[in-house]
Amino acid sequence: MIGFLLRKTFYDLWDNMIKIVVLNLGFIACTTIPVFLPVLVARFIDLEIISVILVAIGILACSVYLSAAAHSIRVISDYGTYHFSDFLKSFKITWPAGLAMGGFVFLVFIILTFVIPFYLTMEPLLVGLALSAIIFWTTIFALLSFQYYFTIYSRLGTNIKKAFKKCILVSLDNTGLSIFLFIFNTIVLILSGFLAFMFPGPIGILLFLDEALRLRLLKYDYLEANPEANRRKIPWDALLIDEREKTGTRSFRNFIFPWKD
């Protein structure tokens, strides 16, 4: 399943490269608010609270943008054609979900920037270290779980509370996949830096997560139809027959000169 996931995502990224780049440019524009604006304002207004407020606004803006992007690019995973007008339609649907995740991300920012450093200076030191460790590993678990948030919200319903709950359930039921996705996407994000995060970038990562969830849902369809089946032995070869036929295979020549095949 992992091998096919990587292949299909690569094909979809390649086929929609220009669209992914444009969407990434929009996200990069949003990041200027939390990254550069606080630094610029600090030169004129030396108040930390102003910087924190600007960071919060920027995080919310970035999160709303990602929620709309995740909802709109799912058509690519479904073998459809992406249109930029889909983004505006998705924005009208998903902006509340974006604000909710933005609030969570801002909370993580506060914890990492202020709370953990405060606990590390507590006396006795052992208590501070213990509290910091608990908060740190809780944050890691949240990151592993909520990496699915945007795609779960767009594919499994528009109830924010249920989306967060489903994130945790999917992560706990697919621990190995969740760890793999988190590590792989972290590496992809770092490598995207060499292309100024334009490709594959954050939008490419969202597409990868959507592809992963879409294929993983085949497992639950199978288990629902076969309640006595062994959850640890999913017949992926059989479940992916149709997907492999739709995706097909390509030669290197087809990637570079698709019109010649």
Protein backbone atom coordinates (compact mmCIF):
# COMPACT_ATOMS: atom_id res chain seq x y z
CA MET A 1 0.00 0.00 0.00
CA ILE A 2 2.84 2.43 0.86
CA GLY A 3 4.59 1.80 -2.46
CA PHE A 4 1.43 2.47 -4.44
CA LEU A 5 0.68 5.54 -2.30
CA LEU A 6 4.07 7.04 -3.14
CA ARG A 7 3.73 6.25 -6.84
CA LYS A 8 0.20 7.66 -7.19
CA THR A 9 1.09 10.81 -5.25
CA PHE A 10 4.15 11.35 -7.43
CA TYR A 11 2.09 10.97 -10.59
CA ASP A 12 -0.57 13.38 -9.32
CA LEU A 13 2.03 15.93 -8.22
CA TRP A 14 3.77 15.77 -11.59
CA ASP A 15 0.52 16.08 -13.56
CA ASN A 16 -0.56 19.10 -11.49
CA MET A 17 2.81 20.74 -10.91
CA ILE A 18 1.86 24.26 -12.01
CA LYS A 19 -1.32 24.22 -9.94
CA ILE A 20 0.58 22.98 -6.86
CA VAL A 21 3.19 25.72 -7.32
CA VAL A 22 0.53 28.44 -7.57
CA LEU A 23 -1.25 27.17 -4.45
CA ASN A 24 2.07 27.05 -2.60
CA LEU A 25 2.79 30.64 -3.61
CA GLY A 26 -0.52 31.66 -2.05
CA PHE A 27 0.41 29.91 1.18
CA ILE A 28 3.88 31.49 1.19
CA ALA A 29 2.18 34.88 0.93
CA CYS A 30 0.09 34.02 4.00
CA THR A 31 3.19 33.05 6.00
CA THR A 32 4.58 36.55 5.70
CA ILE A 33 2.06 37.63 8.36
CA PRO A 34 3.31 35.44 11.26
CA VAL A 35 6.95 35.26 10.11
CA PHE A 36 7.95 38.73 8.90
CA LEU A 37 5.26 41.17 10.02
CA PRO A 38 5.98 40.82 13.79
CA VAL A 39 9.67 41.52 13.14
CA LEU A 40 8.84 44.58 11.06
CA VAL A 41 6.35 45.96 13.58
CA ALA A 42 8.79 45.34 16.46
CA ARG A 43 11.10 47.97 14.96
CA PHE A 44 8.48 50.62 15.61
CA ILE A 45 6.44 49.22 18.51
CA ASP A 46 8.43 47.40 21.18
CA LEU A 47 5.54 45.45 22.71
CA GLU A 48 5.69 41.68 22.83
CA ILE A 49 1.91 41.37 23.01
CA ILE A 50 1.62 43.04 19.57
CA SER A 51 3.98 40.47 18.08
CA VAL A 52 2.02 37.63 19.67
CA ILE A 53 -1.26 39.00 18.28
CA LEU A 54 0.24 39.28 14.79
CA VAL A 55 1.55 35.72 15.02
CA ALA A 56 -1.92 34.55 16.05
CA ILE A 57 -3.55 36.37 13.11
CA GLY A 58 -0.97 34.92 10.74
CA ILE A 59 -1.40 31.37 12.00
CA LEU A 60 -5.17 31.65 11.63
CA ALA A 61 -4.81 32.99 8.08
CA CYS A 62 -2.41 30.18 7.10
CA SER A 63 -4.67 27.55 8.63
CA VAL A 64 -7.77 28.84 6.84
CA TYR A 65 -5.82 28.82 3.57
CA LEU A 66 -4.67 25.22 4.12
CA SER A 67 -8.19 24.09 4.99
CA ALA A 68 -9.51 25.45 1.70
CA ALA A 69 -6.57 24.00 -0.23
CA ALA A 70 -7.00 20.55 1.31
CA HIS A 71 -10.71 20.51 0.52
CA SER A 72 -10.20 21.64 -3.08
CA ILE A 73 -7.28 19.38 -4.09
CA ARG A 74 -9.03 16.19 -3.08
CA VAL A 75 -10.42 16.13 -6.62
CA ILE A 76 -6.86 15.32 -7.74
CA SER A 77 -6.76 12.23 -5.52
CA ASP A 78 -10.10 11.20 -7.01
CA TYR A 79 -8.67 11.26 -10.55
CA GLY A 80 -10.46 14.50 -11.37
CA THR A 81 -9.31 17.84 -12.76
CA TYR A 82 -8.46 20.69 -10.41
CA HIS A 83 -9.72 24.21 -11.16
CA PHE A 84 -8.65 27.26 -9.19
CA SER A 85 -12.31 28.20 -8.80
CA ASP A 86 -12.58 25.09 -6.59
CA PHE A 87 -10.44 26.88 -4.00
CA LEU A 88 -12.93 29.73 -3.55
CA LYS A 89 -15.83 27.30 -3.28
CA SER A 90 -13.91 25.30 -0.66
CA PHE A 91 -13.01 28.46 1.28
CA LYS A 92 -16.69 29.18 1.89
CA ILE A 93 -17.13 25.69 3.34
CA THR A 94 -13.96 25.16 5.33
CA TRP A 95 -13.00 28.50 6.90
CA PRO A 96 -14.47 27.55 10.33
CA ALA A 97 -12.37 24.37 10.32
CA GLY A 98 -9.33 26.43 9.45
CA LEU A 99 -9.92 28.76 12.37
CA ALA A 100 -10.29 25.79 14.72
CA MET A 101 -6.98 24.25 13.62
CA GLY A 102 -5.35 27.67 13.66
CA GLY A 103 -6.35 28.01 17.30
CA PHE A 104 -4.77 24.64 18.05
CA VAL A 105 -1.54 25.54 16.23
CA PHE A 106 -1.37 28.86 18.10
CA LEU A 107 -1.80 26.95 21.37
CA VAL A 108 1.14 24.71 20.41
CA PHE A 109 3.15 27.85 19.61
CA ILE A 110 2.39 29.29 23.07
CA ILE A 111 3.30 26.00 24.75
CA LEU A 112 6.63 25.66 22.95
CA THR A 113 7.54 29.35 23.23
CA PHE A 114 6.40 30.21 26.75
CA VAL A 115 5.05 27.28 28.78
CA ILE A 116 7.84 24.71 28.39
CA PRO A 117 10.65 27.27 28.93
CA PHE A 118 8.81 28.41 32.09
CA TYR A 119 8.57 24.87 33.45
CA LEU A 120 12.26 24.27 32.70
CA THR A 121 13.14 27.10 35.12
CA MET A 122 10.87 25.83 37.90
CA GLU A 123 12.14 24.68 41.28
CA PRO A 124 12.58 21.88 42.03
CA LEU A 125 14.09 21.17 38.62
CA LEU A 126 12.83 17.57 38.53
CA VAL A 127 9.20 18.73 38.68
CA GLY A 128 9.75 21.19 35.86
CA LEU A 129 11.43 18.55 33.71
CA ALA A 130 8.60 16.09 34.36
CA LEU A 131 5.91 18.63 33.42
CA SER A 132 7.86 19.69 30.33
CA ALA A 133 8.25 16.07 29.23
CA ILE A 134 4.53 15.39 29.66
CA ILE A 135 3.58 18.47 27.66
CA PHE A 136 6.18 17.73 24.97
CA TRP A 137 5.05 14.13 24.34
CA THR A 138 1.39 15.18 24.46
CA THR A 139 2.19 17.72 21.77
CA ILE A 140 3.95 15.07 19.67
CA PHE A 141 0.91 12.79 19.93
CA ALA A 142 -1.34 15.69 18.91
CA LEU A 143 0.85 16.44 15.89
CA LEU A 144 0.77 12.78 14.79
CA SER A 145 -3.01 12.71 15.14
CA PHE A 146 -4.00 16.09 13.78
CA GLN A 147 -1.84 15.87 10.67
CA TYR A 148 -4.97 14.18 9.25
CA TYR A 149 -7.28 17.00 10.30
CA PHE A 150 -7.73 18.91 7.05
CA THR A 151 -8.21 15.84 4.88
CA ILE A 152 -10.50 14.13 7.41
CA TYR A 153 -12.61 17.26 7.61
CA SER A 154 -12.89 17.47 3.83
CA ARG A 155 -13.57 13.76 3.25
CA LEU A 156 -15.50 12.58 6.29
CA GLY A 157 -17.84 15.42 7.11
CA THR A 158 -17.91 19.05 8.19
CA ASN A 159 -18.30 18.64 11.93
CA ILE A 160 -15.22 20.12 13.57
CA LYS A 161 -15.53 18.24 16.87
CA LYS A 162 -16.00 14.90 15.10
CA ALA A 163 -13.08 15.67 12.79
CA PHE A 164 -10.72 16.07 15.76
CA LYS A 165 -12.06 12.86 17.31
CA LYS A 166 -11.65 10.92 14.07
CA CYS A 167 -8.07 12.19 13.78
CA ILE A 168 -7.21 10.54 17.09
CA LEU A 169 -9.02 7.31 16.20
CA VAL A 170 -7.33 7.04 12.79
CA SER A 171 -3.92 7.77 14.28
CA LEU A 172 -4.29 5.20 17.07
CA ASP A 173 -5.55 2.55 14.64
CA ASN A 174 -2.75 3.26 12.14
CA THR A 175 0.21 4.12 14.33
CA GLY A 176 2.86 2.90 11.92
CA LEU A 177 1.37 4.80 9.00
CA SER A 178 0.98 7.96 11.10
CA ILE A 179 4.64 7.92 12.15
CA PHE A 180 5.74 7.22 8.57
CA LEU A 181 3.64 10.08 7.18
CA PHE A 182 4.89 12.52 9.80
CA ILE A 183 8.57 11.68 9.23
CA PHE A 184 8.23 11.52 5.45
CA ASN A 185 6.38 14.83 5.26
CA THR A 186 8.93 16.49 7.54
CA ILE A 187 11.70 15.39 5.16
CA VAL A 188 9.68 16.55 2.14
CA LEU A 189 9.10 19.94 3.75
CA ILE A 190 12.83 20.34 4.44
CA LEU A 191 13.74 19.34 0.88
CA SER A 192 11.08 21.72 -0.46
CA GLY A 193 13.14 24.51 1.05
CA PHE A 194 15.64 24.10 -1.79
CA LEU A 195 12.81 25.10 -4.16
CA ALA A 196 11.65 27.94 -1.89
CA PHE A 197 8.77 25.70 -0.72
CA MET A 198 7.09 26.05 -4.11
CA PHE A 199 7.19 22.32 -4.90
CA PRO A 200 6.07 19.97 -3.52
CA GLY A 201 5.77 22.24 -0.48
CA PRO A 202 2.88 22.35 2.02
CA ILE A 203 0.22 21.78 -0.67
CA GLY A 204 2.06 18.72 -1.93
CA ILE A 205 2.11 17.40 1.62
CA LEU A 206 -1.64 17.99 1.93
CA LEU A 207 -2.16 16.04 -1.29
CA PHE A 208 -0.03 13.19 0.04
CA LEU A 209 -2.06 13.06 3.26
CA ASP A 210 -5.29 13.09 1.28
CA GLU A 211 -4.06 10.25 -0.93
CA ALA A 212 -3.06 8.30 2.19
CA LEU A 213 -6.41 8.74 3.92
CA ARG A 214 -8.35 7.95 0.76
CA LEU A 215 -6.52 4.63 0.35
CA ARG A 216 -6.68 3.85 4.07
CA LEU A 217 -10.46 4.21 3.96
CA LEU A 218 -10.51 1.15 1.66
CA LYS A 219 -9.40 -0.82 4.71
CA TYR A 220 -12.43 0.27 6.69
CA ASP A 221 -14.78 -0.46 3.80
CA TYR A 222 -13.31 -3.96 3.67
CA LEU A 223 -13.63 -4.50 7.43
CA GLU A 224 -17.21 -3.26 7.38
CA ALA A 225 -18.04 -5.77 4.64
CA ASN A 226 -16.02 -8.51 6.36
CA PRO A 227 -16.44 -8.03 10.13
CA GLU A 228 -14.74 -11.36 10.90
CA ALA A 229 -11.57 -10.48 8.97
CA ASN A 230 -8.18 -10.11 10.66
CA ARG A 231 -7.49 -6.37 11.03
CA ARG A 232 -3.75 -7.03 10.84
CA LYS A 233 -3.96 -8.85 7.52
CA ILE A 234 -5.65 -6.53 5.07
CA PRO A 235 -5.56 -7.89 1.46
CA TRP A 236 -4.15 -4.72 -0.05
CA ASP A 237 -3.29 -6.38 -3.37
CA ALA A 238 -6.97 -7.17 -3.90
CA LEU A 239 -8.23 -3.83 -2.58
CA LEU A 240 -5.94 -1.82 -4.85
CA ILE A 241 -6.67 -3.61 -8.13
CA ASP A 242 -8.99 -0.89 -9.43
CA GLU A 243 -6.71 1.87 -8.12
CA ARG A 244 -3.68 0.40 -9.90
CA GLU A 245 -5.62 0.09 -13.15
CA LYS A 246 -6.73 3.73 -12.97
CA THR A 247 -3.25 4.97 -12.07
CA GLY A 248 -1.32 2.80 -14.52
CA THR A 249 2.44 2.92 -15.00
CA ARG A 250 4.65 5.36 -16.87
CA SER A 251 8.04 5.37 -18.50
CA PHE A 252 10.61 8.11 -17.99
CA ARG A 253 9.92 9.24 -21.56
CA ASN A 254 6.23 9.58 -20.74
CA PHE A 255 7.03 11.91 -17.84
CA ILE A 256 9.14 14.22 -19.98
CA PHE A 257 7.30 13.86 -23.31
CA PRO A 258 3.81 12.57 -22.47
CA TRP A 259 2.47 13.45 -25.91
CA LYS A 260 4.91 11.00 -27.59
CA ASP A 261 3.56 7.83 -25.89
